N, C-alpha and C. Protein backbone atom coordinates (compact mmCIF):
# COMPACT_ATOMS: atom_id res chain seq x y z
N UNK A 1 0.82 -1.21 -0.01
CA UNK A 1 0.01 -0.02 0.04
C UNK A 1 0.91 1.27 0.03
N UNK A 2 2.05 1.14 0.78
CA UNK A 2 2.89 2.41 0.86
C UNK A 2 3.44 2.66 -0.62
N UNK A 3 3.68 1.64 -1.36
CA UNK A 3 4.33 1.87 -2.72
C UNK A 3 3.31 2.62 -3.65
N UNK A 4 2.00 2.29 -3.43
CA UNK A 4 1.03 2.94 -4.29
C UNK A 4 0.82 4.39 -3.91
N UNK A 5 0.97 4.64 -2.58
CA UNK A 5 0.90 6.10 -2.27
C UNK A 5 2.16 6.83 -2.73
N UNK A 6 3.22 6.23 -2.69
CA UNK A 6 4.44 6.90 -3.16
C UNK A 6 4.29 7.07 -4.65
N UNK A 7 3.84 6.11 -5.44
CA UNK A 7 3.73 6.31 -6.91
C UNK A 7 2.75 7.50 -7.19
N UNK A 8 1.69 7.46 -6.43
CA UNK A 8 0.65 8.49 -6.63
C UNK A 8 1.18 9.85 -6.29
N UNK A 9 1.87 10.04 -5.22
CA UNK A 9 2.57 11.36 -4.85
C UNK A 9 3.56 11.73 -5.90
N UNK A 10 4.32 10.86 -6.36
CA UNK A 10 5.29 11.18 -7.44
C UNK A 10 4.65 11.63 -8.72
N UNK A 11 3.59 10.99 -9.10
CA UNK A 11 2.78 11.42 -10.33
C UNK A 11 2.27 12.81 -10.10
N UNK A 12 1.64 13.05 -8.99
CA UNK A 12 1.08 14.41 -8.69
C UNK A 12 2.15 15.46 -8.65
N UNK A 13 3.33 15.13 -8.06
CA UNK A 13 4.41 16.13 -8.06
C UNK A 13 4.89 16.48 -9.49
N UNK A 14 4.99 15.33 -10.34
CA UNK A 14 5.46 15.74 -11.71
C UNK A 14 4.37 16.60 -12.44
N UNK A 15 3.20 16.21 -12.22
CA UNK A 15 2.06 17.06 -12.86
C UNK A 15 2.22 18.54 -12.32
N UNK A 16 2.37 18.69 -11.08
CA UNK A 16 2.45 19.99 -10.56
C UNK A 16 3.74 20.85 -11.04
N UNK A 17 4.71 20.05 -11.39
CA UNK A 17 5.99 20.75 -11.79
C UNK A 17 5.83 21.11 -13.29
N UNK A 18 5.14 20.41 -14.15
CA UNK A 18 5.01 20.63 -15.47
C UNK A 18 4.25 22.02 -15.70
N UNK A 19 4.94 22.76 -16.66
CA UNK A 19 4.40 24.12 -16.91
C UNK A 19 3.61 24.07 -18.17
N UNK A 20 2.45 24.79 -18.17
CA UNK A 20 1.68 24.95 -19.32
C UNK A 20 2.40 25.88 -20.31
N UNK A 21 2.25 25.81 -21.67
CA UNK A 21 2.87 26.62 -22.54
C UNK A 21 2.48 28.01 -22.52
N UNK A 22 1.30 28.40 -21.88
CA UNK A 22 0.86 29.82 -21.69
C UNK A 22 0.48 29.91 -20.21
N UNK A 23 1.01 31.10 -19.75
CA UNK A 23 0.84 31.37 -18.27
C UNK A 23 -0.56 31.86 -18.16
N UNK A 24 -1.27 31.13 -17.08
CA UNK A 24 -2.56 31.52 -16.79
C UNK A 24 -2.64 31.75 -15.21
N UNK A 25 -3.76 32.17 -14.67
CA UNK A 25 -3.89 32.34 -13.19
C UNK A 25 -4.07 31.04 -12.53
N UNK A 26 -3.89 30.97 -11.20
CA UNK A 26 -4.06 29.88 -10.50
C UNK A 26 -5.58 29.39 -10.49
N UNK A 27 -6.39 30.32 -10.59
CA UNK A 27 -7.85 29.96 -10.47
C UNK A 27 -8.68 30.18 -11.72
N UNK A 28 -7.92 30.46 -12.77
CA UNK A 28 -8.68 30.62 -14.00
C UNK A 28 -7.73 30.02 -15.21
N UNK A 29 -8.25 30.03 -16.29
CA UNK A 29 -7.49 29.58 -17.53
C UNK A 29 -7.35 30.75 -18.57
N UNK A 30 -7.44 31.89 -18.03
CA UNK A 30 -7.28 33.07 -18.78
C UNK A 30 -5.78 33.53 -19.06
N UNK A 31 -5.43 33.66 -20.35
CA UNK A 31 -4.11 34.17 -20.57
C UNK A 31 -4.19 35.76 -20.31
N UNK A 32 -3.08 36.21 -19.83
CA UNK A 32 -2.90 37.67 -19.63
C UNK A 32 -3.94 38.10 -18.57
N UNK A 33 -4.45 37.35 -17.70
CA UNK A 33 -5.38 37.77 -16.74
C UNK A 33 -6.60 38.37 -17.36
N UNK A 34 -6.96 37.92 -18.60
CA UNK A 34 -8.12 38.47 -19.32
C UNK A 34 -7.93 39.73 -20.14
N UNK A 35 -6.60 40.17 -20.21
CA UNK A 35 -6.33 41.42 -20.94
C UNK A 35 -6.30 41.04 -22.43
N UNK A 36 -6.54 42.02 -23.25
CA UNK A 36 -6.64 41.90 -24.70
C UNK A 36 -5.13 41.99 -25.36
N UNK A 37 -4.60 40.87 -25.75
CA UNK A 37 -3.23 40.90 -26.19
C UNK A 37 -3.03 41.76 -27.48
N UNK A 38 -4.01 41.90 -28.24
CA UNK A 38 -3.97 42.80 -29.53
C UNK A 38 -3.96 44.29 -29.15
N UNK A 39 -4.63 44.71 -28.06
CA UNK A 39 -4.65 46.00 -27.72
C UNK A 39 -3.41 46.67 -27.38
N UNK A 40 -2.33 45.88 -26.94
CA UNK A 40 -1.10 46.36 -26.56
C UNK A 40 -0.47 46.94 -27.89
N UNK A 41 -0.76 46.32 -29.01
CA UNK A 41 -0.17 46.74 -30.30
C UNK A 41 -0.98 47.77 -30.96
N UNK A 42 -2.36 47.73 -30.89
CA UNK A 42 -3.20 48.69 -31.53
C UNK A 42 -3.51 49.96 -30.69
N UNK A 43 -3.58 49.82 -29.38
CA UNK A 43 -3.86 50.90 -28.57
C UNK A 43 -2.78 51.44 -27.62
N UNK A 44 -1.64 50.66 -27.64
CA UNK A 44 -0.56 51.02 -26.90
C UNK A 44 -0.76 51.01 -25.35
N UNK A 45 -1.64 50.20 -24.86
CA UNK A 45 -1.94 50.11 -23.50
C UNK A 45 -2.65 48.78 -23.20
N UNK A 46 -2.57 48.34 -21.80
CA UNK A 46 -3.26 47.16 -21.36
C UNK A 46 -4.77 47.42 -21.21
N UNK A 47 -5.56 46.76 -22.06
CA UNK A 47 -7.08 46.92 -21.98
C UNK A 47 -7.68 45.49 -21.66
N UNK A 48 -8.59 45.54 -20.69
CA UNK A 48 -9.24 44.35 -20.26
C UNK A 48 -10.10 43.73 -21.39
N UNK A 49 -10.02 42.43 -21.61
CA UNK A 49 -10.85 41.80 -22.57
C UNK A 49 -12.27 41.55 -22.06
N UNK A 50 -13.10 41.10 -22.98
CA UNK A 50 -14.36 40.66 -22.70
C UNK A 50 -14.58 39.17 -23.08
N UNK A 51 -15.07 38.37 -22.11
CA UNK A 51 -15.26 37.01 -22.48
C UNK A 51 -16.21 36.74 -23.64
N UNK A 52 -17.02 37.77 -24.00
CA UNK A 52 -17.94 37.67 -25.14
C UNK A 52 -17.06 37.35 -26.42
N UNK A 53 -15.93 38.04 -26.49
CA UNK A 53 -14.99 37.80 -27.62
C UNK A 53 -13.75 36.99 -27.21
N UNK A 54 -13.76 35.74 -27.29
CA UNK A 54 -12.76 35.00 -26.80
C UNK A 54 -12.48 33.77 -27.69
N UNK A 55 -11.25 33.14 -27.43
CA UNK A 55 -10.87 31.92 -28.16
C UNK A 55 -9.90 31.20 -27.32
N UNK A 56 -9.76 29.96 -27.68
CA UNK A 56 -8.81 29.08 -26.97
C UNK A 56 -7.64 28.94 -27.85
N UNK A 57 -6.49 29.14 -27.27
CA UNK A 57 -5.12 29.05 -28.03
C UNK A 57 -4.12 28.43 -27.13
N UNK A 58 -3.46 27.36 -27.50
CA UNK A 58 -2.41 26.65 -26.71
C UNK A 58 -3.02 26.25 -25.28
N UNK A 59 -4.24 26.01 -25.17
CA UNK A 59 -4.77 25.50 -23.92
C UNK A 59 -5.21 26.60 -23.01
N UNK A 60 -5.12 27.80 -23.33
CA UNK A 60 -5.61 28.94 -22.55
C UNK A 60 -6.80 29.70 -23.25
N UNK A 61 -7.62 30.33 -22.47
CA UNK A 61 -8.64 31.21 -22.91
C UNK A 61 -8.09 32.65 -23.08
N UNK A 62 -8.30 33.30 -24.28
CA UNK A 62 -7.84 34.58 -24.64
C UNK A 62 -9.03 35.49 -24.75
N UNK A 63 -9.16 36.62 -24.05
CA UNK A 63 -10.19 37.52 -24.12
C UNK A 63 -9.83 38.88 -24.93
N UNK A 64 -10.76 39.35 -25.70
CA UNK A 64 -10.44 40.56 -26.48
C UNK A 64 -11.43 41.71 -26.19
N UNK A 65 -11.05 42.93 -26.37
CA UNK A 65 -11.97 43.96 -26.06
C UNK A 65 -12.84 44.41 -27.26
N UNK A 66 -12.52 43.88 -28.39
CA UNK A 66 -13.30 44.13 -29.60
C UNK A 66 -13.39 42.85 -30.49
N UNK A 67 -14.41 42.66 -31.13
CA UNK A 67 -14.45 41.54 -32.10
C UNK A 67 -13.39 41.73 -33.12
N UNK A 68 -13.06 42.90 -33.60
CA UNK A 68 -11.98 43.03 -34.54
C UNK A 68 -10.60 42.50 -34.02
N UNK A 69 -10.36 42.77 -32.73
CA UNK A 69 -9.09 42.17 -32.15
C UNK A 69 -9.07 40.62 -32.11
N UNK A 70 -10.21 40.03 -31.79
CA UNK A 70 -10.31 38.59 -31.92
C UNK A 70 -10.05 38.14 -33.26
N UNK A 71 -10.53 38.86 -34.23
CA UNK A 71 -10.43 38.38 -35.67
C UNK A 71 -8.85 38.54 -36.11
N UNK A 72 -8.20 39.64 -35.59
CA UNK A 72 -6.78 39.75 -35.80
C UNK A 72 -5.95 38.70 -35.21
N UNK A 73 -6.26 38.32 -34.05
CA UNK A 73 -5.56 37.36 -33.27
C UNK A 73 -5.72 35.96 -33.99
N UNK A 74 -6.93 35.59 -34.36
CA UNK A 74 -7.24 34.38 -35.10
C UNK A 74 -6.38 34.24 -36.44
N UNK A 75 -6.17 35.26 -37.01
CA UNK A 75 -5.40 35.31 -38.27
C UNK A 75 -3.97 35.21 -38.11
N UNK A 76 -3.43 35.76 -36.86
CA UNK A 76 -2.01 35.69 -36.64
C UNK A 76 -1.70 35.59 -35.19
N UNK A 77 -2.03 34.42 -34.50
CA UNK A 77 -1.74 34.48 -33.00
C UNK A 77 -0.38 34.71 -32.57
N UNK A 78 0.60 34.11 -33.36
CA UNK A 78 1.97 34.23 -32.89
C UNK A 78 2.51 35.69 -33.06
N UNK A 79 1.80 36.55 -33.85
CA UNK A 79 2.21 37.87 -33.94
C UNK A 79 1.82 38.68 -32.63
N UNK A 80 0.75 38.29 -32.03
CA UNK A 80 0.24 38.93 -30.90
C UNK A 80 0.41 38.38 -29.46
N UNK A 81 0.59 37.08 -29.44
CA UNK A 81 0.80 36.35 -28.21
C UNK A 81 2.15 36.77 -27.54
N UNK A 82 2.12 37.01 -26.28
CA UNK A 82 3.49 37.36 -25.61
C UNK A 82 4.56 36.34 -25.80
N UNK A 83 5.70 36.88 -25.80
CA UNK A 83 6.82 35.89 -25.85
C UNK A 83 6.88 35.01 -24.58
N UNK A 84 7.52 33.95 -24.65
CA UNK A 84 7.69 33.00 -23.39
C UNK A 84 6.43 32.62 -22.83
N UNK A 85 5.39 32.48 -23.69
CA UNK A 85 4.09 32.09 -23.16
C UNK A 85 3.44 33.03 -22.18
N UNK A 86 3.87 34.29 -22.07
CA UNK A 86 3.41 35.23 -21.10
C UNK A 86 3.88 35.08 -19.74
N UNK A 87 4.87 34.18 -19.54
CA UNK A 87 5.62 34.21 -18.31
C UNK A 87 6.57 35.41 -18.16
N UNK A 88 7.01 35.69 -16.98
CA UNK A 88 7.84 36.83 -16.70
C UNK A 88 9.06 36.79 -17.60
N UNK A 89 9.26 37.67 -18.50
CA UNK A 89 10.42 37.69 -19.44
C UNK A 89 11.80 37.85 -18.71
N UNK A 90 11.71 38.68 -17.64
CA UNK A 90 12.96 38.86 -16.85
C UNK A 90 13.37 37.62 -16.06
N UNK A 91 12.33 36.85 -15.69
CA UNK A 91 12.54 35.51 -14.94
C UNK A 91 13.13 34.54 -15.85
N UNK A 92 12.55 34.44 -17.05
CA UNK A 92 13.09 33.50 -18.11
C UNK A 92 14.52 33.80 -18.43
N UNK A 93 14.80 35.11 -18.44
CA UNK A 93 16.17 35.59 -18.81
C UNK A 93 17.17 35.44 -17.63
N UNK A 94 16.85 35.83 -16.59
CA UNK A 94 17.89 35.90 -15.49
C UNK A 94 17.90 34.69 -14.51
N UNK A 95 16.66 34.21 -14.28
CA UNK A 95 16.54 33.14 -13.38
C UNK A 95 16.42 31.74 -14.15
N UNK A 96 16.27 31.75 -15.50
CA UNK A 96 16.09 30.49 -16.30
C UNK A 96 14.88 29.71 -15.65
N UNK A 97 13.87 30.42 -15.31
CA UNK A 97 12.71 29.82 -14.68
C UNK A 97 11.45 30.43 -14.98
N UNK A 98 10.37 29.75 -14.69
CA UNK A 98 9.00 30.31 -14.88
C UNK A 98 8.54 31.15 -13.70
N UNK A 99 8.03 32.25 -14.05
CA UNK A 99 7.41 33.19 -13.04
C UNK A 99 6.20 33.69 -13.67
N UNK A 100 5.07 34.00 -12.90
CA UNK A 100 3.92 34.66 -13.36
C UNK A 100 4.17 36.07 -13.84
N UNK A 101 3.36 36.69 -14.56
CA UNK A 101 3.49 38.08 -14.98
C UNK A 101 2.32 38.85 -14.61
N UNK A 102 2.51 40.21 -14.64
CA UNK A 102 1.44 41.15 -14.48
C UNK A 102 1.16 41.79 -15.84
N UNK A 103 -0.10 41.60 -16.36
CA UNK A 103 -0.38 42.01 -17.66
C UNK A 103 -0.27 43.62 -17.80
N UNK A 104 -0.11 44.33 -16.67
CA UNK A 104 0.06 45.76 -16.83
C UNK A 104 1.68 46.15 -16.92
N UNK A 105 2.36 45.16 -16.73
CA UNK A 105 3.88 45.42 -16.83
C UNK A 105 4.36 44.75 -18.12
N UNK A 106 4.39 45.60 -19.16
CA UNK A 106 4.65 45.05 -20.48
C UNK A 106 5.58 45.96 -21.27
N UNK A 107 6.06 45.40 -22.33
CA UNK A 107 6.84 46.14 -23.28
C UNK A 107 6.73 45.54 -24.69
N UNK A 108 6.77 46.33 -25.78
CA UNK A 108 6.98 45.85 -27.07
C UNK A 108 8.21 46.14 -27.64
N UNK A 109 9.01 45.18 -27.94
CA UNK A 109 10.35 45.36 -28.53
C UNK A 109 10.44 44.68 -29.83
N UNK A 110 10.81 45.40 -30.83
CA UNK A 110 10.91 44.78 -32.21
C UNK A 110 9.65 44.02 -32.65
N UNK A 111 8.51 44.57 -32.26
CA UNK A 111 7.26 44.01 -32.68
C UNK A 111 6.73 42.91 -31.87
N UNK A 112 7.44 42.57 -30.76
CA UNK A 112 7.10 41.39 -29.90
C UNK A 112 6.72 41.86 -28.58
N UNK A 113 5.69 41.17 -27.95
CA UNK A 113 5.24 41.59 -26.61
C UNK A 113 5.95 40.72 -25.44
N UNK A 114 6.42 41.52 -24.50
CA UNK A 114 7.05 40.97 -23.39
C UNK A 114 6.32 41.38 -22.07
N UNK A 115 6.10 40.43 -21.15
CA UNK A 115 5.41 40.72 -19.84
C UNK A 115 6.43 40.53 -18.76
N UNK A 116 6.20 41.21 -17.61
CA UNK A 116 7.10 41.06 -16.44
C UNK A 116 6.28 40.87 -15.27
N UNK A 117 6.92 40.41 -14.17
CA UNK A 117 6.33 40.07 -12.93
C UNK A 117 5.66 41.25 -12.15
N UNK A 118 6.29 42.38 -12.09
CA UNK A 118 5.77 43.45 -11.39
C UNK A 118 6.47 44.70 -11.76
N UNK A 119 6.21 45.93 -11.33
CA UNK A 119 6.77 47.12 -11.70
C UNK A 119 8.30 47.11 -11.38
N UNK A 120 8.80 46.58 -10.26
CA UNK A 120 10.14 46.57 -9.97
C UNK A 120 10.95 45.70 -10.95
N UNK A 121 10.49 44.61 -11.19
CA UNK A 121 11.15 43.68 -12.12
C UNK A 121 11.03 44.30 -13.63
N UNK A 122 10.02 44.91 -13.91
CA UNK A 122 9.87 45.63 -15.23
C UNK A 122 10.98 46.70 -15.42
N UNK A 123 11.27 47.51 -14.22
CA UNK A 123 12.32 48.45 -14.34
C UNK A 123 13.70 47.83 -14.55
N UNK A 124 13.91 46.64 -13.96
CA UNK A 124 15.11 45.92 -14.23
C UNK A 124 15.24 45.40 -15.64
N UNK A 125 14.15 44.94 -16.23
CA UNK A 125 14.02 44.60 -17.53
C UNK A 125 14.37 45.74 -18.57
N UNK A 126 13.87 46.92 -18.18
CA UNK A 126 13.94 48.16 -19.03
C UNK A 126 15.37 48.61 -19.10
N UNK A 127 16.25 48.18 -18.18
CA UNK A 127 17.66 48.62 -18.22
C UNK A 127 18.42 48.07 -19.34
N UNK A 128 18.08 46.78 -19.58
CA UNK A 128 18.86 46.05 -20.74
C UNK A 128 17.94 45.08 -21.48
N UNK A 129 16.81 45.56 -22.13
CA UNK A 129 15.86 44.72 -22.75
C UNK A 129 16.45 43.74 -23.81
N UNK A 130 17.30 44.27 -24.59
CA UNK A 130 17.87 43.55 -25.76
C UNK A 130 18.75 42.40 -25.14
N UNK A 131 19.51 42.61 -24.08
CA UNK A 131 20.35 41.46 -23.48
C UNK A 131 19.47 40.49 -22.83
N UNK A 132 18.35 41.02 -22.15
CA UNK A 132 17.48 40.00 -21.62
C UNK A 132 16.77 39.21 -22.63
N UNK A 133 16.34 39.79 -23.76
CA UNK A 133 15.70 39.03 -24.77
C UNK A 133 16.73 37.92 -25.32
N UNK A 134 17.85 38.36 -25.57
CA UNK A 134 18.89 37.44 -26.11
C UNK A 134 19.10 36.20 -25.10
N UNK A 135 19.24 36.42 -23.80
CA UNK A 135 19.32 35.39 -22.92
C UNK A 135 18.10 34.53 -22.71
N UNK A 136 16.95 35.25 -22.69
CA UNK A 136 15.72 34.46 -22.58
C UNK A 136 15.49 33.66 -23.70
N UNK A 137 15.87 34.14 -25.00
CA UNK A 137 15.65 33.28 -26.21
C UNK A 137 16.46 31.99 -26.12
N UNK A 138 17.61 32.12 -25.45
CA UNK A 138 18.56 30.98 -25.26
C UNK A 138 17.93 29.98 -24.32
N UNK A 139 17.39 30.51 -23.16
CA UNK A 139 16.84 29.74 -22.10
C UNK A 139 15.49 29.00 -22.38
N UNK A 140 14.64 29.66 -23.21
CA UNK A 140 13.33 29.27 -23.31
C UNK A 140 13.10 27.94 -23.92
N UNK A 141 13.76 27.48 -25.02
CA UNK A 141 13.47 26.25 -25.60
C UNK A 141 13.64 25.03 -24.66
N UNK A 142 14.78 25.10 -23.85
CA UNK A 142 15.08 23.99 -22.91
C UNK A 142 14.04 24.08 -21.63
N UNK A 143 13.67 25.31 -21.26
CA UNK A 143 12.86 25.52 -20.19
C UNK A 143 11.39 24.95 -20.47
N UNK A 144 10.94 25.25 -21.64
CA UNK A 144 9.50 24.80 -21.98
C UNK A 144 9.46 23.36 -22.25
N UNK A 145 10.65 22.81 -22.67
CA UNK A 145 10.66 21.36 -22.98
C UNK A 145 10.66 20.43 -21.72
N UNK A 146 10.85 21.11 -20.61
CA UNK A 146 10.92 20.31 -19.32
C UNK A 146 9.55 19.68 -19.00
């Protein structure tokens, strides 16, 4: 009986350690905490999405503030989805690890969206964004493959 409990615990531990390809909240399946990923590009700000205009992409639910944004995303999701699955870009870069992000702490660099954990981390990111992107791009493939 003990061996069965040990096997079950090991399986649950492995499941808990596996990271989803898209960062979502603990109590929801919403990417970007329900913010509209297209609005960062079209409106230059974080805009809360509406579940009325939503889609599922890479196992997460994405909300949009306008039907036009939903249509734009459906045509080119990789263009609008945040880098590193929406996990904290600074964390992927400097810690080579997953960390949640705050959808209001964002940057667009060379046409790509990056999110960070909080305002303090975002200020660190802003000091050397290109170096962080270079390091995170190296870290991400092995990190997401775990």
